Amino acid sequence: MRQVIAATFLSLDGVMQAPGGPEEDPTGGFTHGGWTVHYWDAAMEQVMGTIMDQPFDLLLGRKTYDIFAAHWPYSNEQPIADKFNAATKYVATSSTAPLVWKHSVAIHDVAADVARLKREDGPNLLIQGSSDLVQTLLAHDLIDRFNLLVFPLLLGKGKRLFGRGSFPAALKLVHSQVSTTGVSMNCYVRDGAIRTGSFVPAQPSEREMARREKMLREA
């Protein structure tokens, strides 16, 4: 069995679009591409190194795949370029056009194919970017771990990690660290269902009961 791991750069308001550069993904008129560049430090490099040191296959949406395929085969950024080039790339796509980056495999039925891949032996499946793919995987409860690097800025609009595919679920924080530039680096794993409770006394006041009735009428 292998796990699906989402390693994602986020703004404080949850945007994950175009962290690496202005030309990366201007979809929807997004004008803040490259918002992570000035925050990198040794602590972040260490955390990312730890993530990349584990054996992995890549699980990518088509747009992120195209970005990576245009960069990593031509990059001298070792050792990560070597790891990305050598990894099997599973690409969620509706196209039948050939995937030219070596070791690339198209998947067309995302939920079924990823569920099948998880049941197989092999390295974990690492998601990079791929916001549309993430929504599908979230909707089918197929992501096991979130490595989230949360940057101290607000982007206002853009593609979000927890968007239309999100559903109620509890998460457990298993590691946390803060960079010298204020980036919060947290690792979360699934932790079952949400557990609810109440701070309201067992015998609410008449005013509280009236407030509840009003809320029900206005719902």
Protein backbone atom coordinates (compact mmCIF):
# COMPACT_ATOMS: atom_id res chain seq x y z
CA MET A 1 0.00 0.00 0.00
CA ARG A 2 1.23 3.46 -0.75
CA GLN A 3 0.10 6.88 0.36
CA VAL A 4 -0.83 10.00 -1.55
CA ILE A 5 1.04 13.01 -0.17
CA ALA A 6 0.25 16.61 -1.12
CA ALA A 7 3.25 18.93 -0.73
CA THR A 8 1.86 22.41 -1.23
CA PHE A 9 2.90 26.06 -0.91
CA LEU A 10 0.02 28.19 0.41
CA SER A 11 -0.72 31.80 1.23
CA LEU A 12 -2.45 32.52 4.54
CA ASP A 13 -5.77 32.76 2.69
CA GLY A 14 -5.25 29.36 1.08
CA VAL A 15 -4.10 30.26 -2.44
CA MET A 16 -1.65 27.85 -4.10
CA GLN A 17 -1.50 29.31 -7.61
CA ALA A 18 1.81 30.10 -9.36
CA PRO A 19 4.20 30.08 -6.38
CA GLY A 20 7.32 29.86 -8.56
CA GLY A 21 7.12 32.71 -11.08
CA PRO A 22 4.92 35.25 -12.93
CA GLU A 23 4.63 33.11 -16.09
CA GLU A 24 3.84 29.87 -14.25
CA ASP A 25 0.03 30.16 -14.22
CA PRO A 26 -1.68 33.50 -14.95
CA THR A 27 -5.09 31.78 -15.26
CA GLY A 28 -7.99 33.98 -14.17
CA GLY A 29 -5.88 37.13 -14.36
CA PHE A 30 -3.62 36.07 -11.48
CA THR A 31 -0.85 38.68 -11.21
CA HIS A 32 1.15 37.61 -8.15
CA GLY A 33 3.07 34.65 -9.57
CA GLY A 34 6.38 34.04 -7.82
CA TRP A 35 5.14 34.91 -4.33
CA THR A 36 7.34 32.32 -2.57
CA VAL A 37 10.69 33.41 -4.00
CA HIS A 38 11.83 35.88 -1.32
CA TYR A 39 10.98 33.64 1.65
CA TRP A 40 13.41 30.75 1.13
CA ASP A 41 15.94 29.96 3.86
CA ALA A 42 17.99 27.02 5.13
CA ALA A 43 15.13 25.69 7.29
CA MET A 44 12.81 25.50 4.28
CA GLU A 45 15.47 23.78 2.21
CA GLN A 46 15.91 21.22 4.98
CA VAL A 47 12.16 20.49 5.19
CA MET A 48 11.81 20.18 1.43
CA GLY A 49 14.93 18.01 1.35
CA THR A 50 13.37 15.67 3.89
CA ILE A 51 10.21 15.38 1.75
CA MET A 52 12.23 14.71 -1.40
CA ASP A 53 14.63 12.27 0.25
CA GLN A 54 11.86 9.68 0.56
CA PRO A 55 11.28 7.46 -2.51
CA PHE A 56 8.35 8.80 -4.56
CA ASP A 57 6.46 8.69 -7.80
CA LEU A 58 4.91 11.95 -8.95
CA LEU A 59 1.16 12.46 -9.26
CA LEU A 60 0.44 15.54 -11.34
CA GLY A 61 -2.35 17.42 -13.05
CA ARG A 62 -1.79 18.17 -16.72
CA LYS A 63 -0.99 21.89 -16.26
CA THR A 64 1.60 21.21 -13.56
CA TYR A 65 3.02 18.36 -15.64
CA ASP A 66 3.51 20.71 -18.59
CA ILE A 67 5.28 23.23 -16.33
CA PHE A 68 7.57 20.54 -14.92
CA ALA A 69 8.22 18.89 -18.31
CA ALA A 70 9.37 22.22 -19.72
CA HIS A 71 11.78 22.76 -16.82
CA TRP A 72 13.22 19.72 -15.06
CA PRO A 73 14.62 17.80 -18.07
CA TYR A 74 16.70 20.90 -18.85
CA SER A 75 17.63 21.85 -15.29
CA ASN A 76 21.01 21.65 -13.52
CA GLU A 77 19.34 21.86 -10.09
CA GLN A 78 20.71 18.59 -8.76
CA PRO A 79 19.79 16.40 -7.01
CA ILE A 80 16.10 17.29 -7.34
CA ALA A 81 16.22 17.41 -11.14
CA ASP A 82 17.63 13.88 -11.21
CA LYS A 83 14.90 12.66 -8.85
CA PHE A 84 12.06 14.25 -10.82
CA ASN A 85 13.44 13.02 -14.14
CA ALA A 86 13.87 9.47 -12.84
CA ALA A 87 10.51 9.23 -11.07
CA THR A 88 7.44 7.73 -12.68
CA LYS A 89 5.04 10.57 -13.45
CA TYR A 90 1.32 9.72 -13.27
CA VAL A 91 -0.50 12.48 -15.13
CA ALA A 92 -4.22 13.18 -14.80
CA THR A 93 -5.30 14.26 -18.26
CA SER A 94 -8.25 14.07 -20.63
CA SER A 95 -5.91 14.32 -23.63
CA THR A 96 -4.61 11.36 -25.62
CA ALA A 97 -1.59 13.34 -26.85
CA PRO A 98 1.76 11.64 -26.06
CA LEU A 99 3.54 12.58 -22.83
CA VAL A 100 7.10 13.31 -23.91
CA TRP A 101 8.85 13.48 -20.52
CA LYS A 102 10.46 10.12 -19.77
CA HIS A 103 8.63 7.75 -17.42
CA SER A 104 5.27 9.52 -17.83
CA VAL A 105 1.99 7.60 -17.62
CA ALA A 106 -1.42 9.09 -18.42
CA ILE A 107 -4.36 8.39 -16.13
CA HIS A 108 -7.85 9.26 -17.35
CA ASP A 109 -10.16 8.02 -14.58
CA VAL A 110 -8.50 9.85 -11.71
CA ALA A 111 -10.44 8.47 -8.75
CA ALA A 112 -10.34 4.85 -9.91
CA ASP A 113 -6.75 4.97 -11.14
CA VAL A 114 -5.34 6.63 -8.03
CA ALA A 115 -7.25 4.23 -5.77
CA ARG A 116 -5.71 1.37 -7.76
CA LEU A 117 -2.21 2.86 -7.53
CA LYS A 118 -2.59 3.20 -3.76
CA ARG A 119 -3.34 -0.51 -3.46
CA GLU A 120 -0.17 -1.43 -5.33
CA ASP A 121 3.33 -1.83 -3.93
CA GLY A 122 5.76 0.97 -4.65
CA PRO A 123 6.86 4.40 -3.47
CA ASN A 124 4.41 6.98 -2.20
CA LEU A 125 2.64 9.24 -4.69
CA LEU A 126 3.78 12.85 -4.29
CA ILE A 127 1.54 15.66 -5.55
CA GLN A 128 3.16 18.94 -6.53
CA GLY A 129 0.87 21.85 -7.41
CA SER A 130 -2.01 20.41 -9.46
CA SER A 131 -4.91 22.30 -7.85
CA ASP A 132 -7.62 20.76 -10.07
CA LEU A 133 -6.33 17.24 -9.45
CA VAL A 134 -6.25 17.90 -5.71
CA GLN A 135 -9.96 18.81 -5.73
CA THR A 136 -10.85 15.47 -7.29
CA LEU A 137 -8.66 13.55 -4.85
CA LEU A 138 -10.12 15.44 -1.87
CA ALA A 139 -13.65 14.72 -3.03
CA HIS A 140 -12.84 10.99 -3.11
CA ASP A 141 -10.87 11.00 0.17
CA LEU A 142 -7.66 9.84 -1.51
CA ILE A 143 -5.08 12.15 0.11
CA ASP A 144 -3.38 10.71 3.19
CA ARG A 145 -0.89 13.40 4.17
CA PHE A 146 -0.53 17.15 3.70
CA ASN A 147 2.88 18.82 3.84
CA LEU A 148 1.85 22.47 3.87
CA LEU A 149 4.23 25.43 3.72
CA VAL A 150 2.12 28.44 4.65
CA PHE A 151 3.60 31.81 3.69
CA PRO A 152 2.83 35.01 5.62
CA LEU A 153 0.96 36.89 2.93
CA LEU A 154 -2.56 37.28 1.52
CA LEU A 155 -3.17 36.86 -2.20
CA GLY A 156 -6.89 37.61 -2.27
CA LYS A 157 -7.81 35.47 -5.25
CA GLY A 158 -6.44 32.45 -7.03
CA LYS A 159 -6.62 28.67 -7.05
CA ARG A 160 -7.04 27.22 -3.57
CA LEU A 161 -5.95 23.95 -2.01
CA PHE A 162 -9.12 23.43 -0.01
CA GLY A 163 -11.71 24.40 -2.56
CA ARG A 164 -14.72 22.68 -4.06
CA GLY A 165 -13.39 19.19 -3.34
CA SER A 166 -13.05 19.63 0.41
CA PHE A 167 -15.25 17.75 2.84
CA PRO A 168 -15.40 17.64 6.66
CA ALA A 169 -12.47 15.66 8.11
CA ALA A 170 -10.18 15.83 11.13
CA LEU A 171 -6.43 16.16 10.67
CA LYS A 172 -3.59 15.47 13.09
CA LEU A 173 -0.48 17.68 13.19
CA VAL A 174 2.59 15.42 13.29
CA HIS A 175 5.35 17.95 12.62
CA SER A 176 5.64 21.73 12.71
CA GLN A 177 8.49 24.17 12.15
CA VAL A 178 8.79 27.88 11.34
CA SER A 179 11.38 29.36 9.00
CA THR A 180 13.36 32.52 9.74
CA THR A 181 11.13 34.29 7.18
CA GLY A 182 7.89 33.34 8.93
CA VAL A 183 6.86 30.38 6.77
CA SER A 184 4.95 27.81 8.81
CA MET A 185 5.85 24.28 7.69
CA ASN A 186 3.32 21.74 8.94
CA CYS A 187 2.69 18.08 8.26
CA TYR A 188 -0.84 16.73 8.77
CA VAL A 189 -2.25 13.22 8.49
CA ARG A 190 -5.89 12.14 8.39
CA ASP A 191 -7.41 11.62 11.83
CA GLY A 192 -10.91 10.29 11.26
CA ALA A 193 -14.14 12.26 11.45
CA ILE A 194 -14.71 15.66 13.03
CA ARG A 195 -15.64 15.39 16.70
CA THR A 196 -18.09 18.07 17.80
CA GLY A 197 -19.17 19.24 21.22
CA SER A 198 -20.73 22.24 22.94
CA PHE A 199 -19.76 24.81 25.55
CA VAL A 200 -23.44 25.66 26.10
CA PRO A 201 -24.89 24.60 29.50
CA ALA A 202 -27.21 21.58 29.55
CA GLN A 203 -30.10 23.92 30.49
CA PRO A 204 -29.90 26.91 28.11
CA SER A 205 -31.50 30.19 29.08
CA GLU A 206 -34.88 31.25 27.67
CA ARG A 207 -33.09 33.91 25.70
CA GLU A 208 -30.77 31.27 24.19
CA MET A 209 -33.75 29.11 23.22
CA ALA A 210 -35.39 32.11 21.57
CA ARG A 211 -32.17 32.84 19.69
CA ARG A 212 -32.05 29.25 18.39
CA GLU A 213 -35.64 29.42 17.18
CA LYS A 214 -34.86 32.66 15.39
CA MET A 215 -31.83 31.10 13.70
CA LEU A 216 -33.95 28.16 12.53
CA ARG A 217 -36.54 30.49 11.04
CA GLU A 218 -33.84 32.41 9.19
CA ALA A 219 -31.92 29.36 7.95
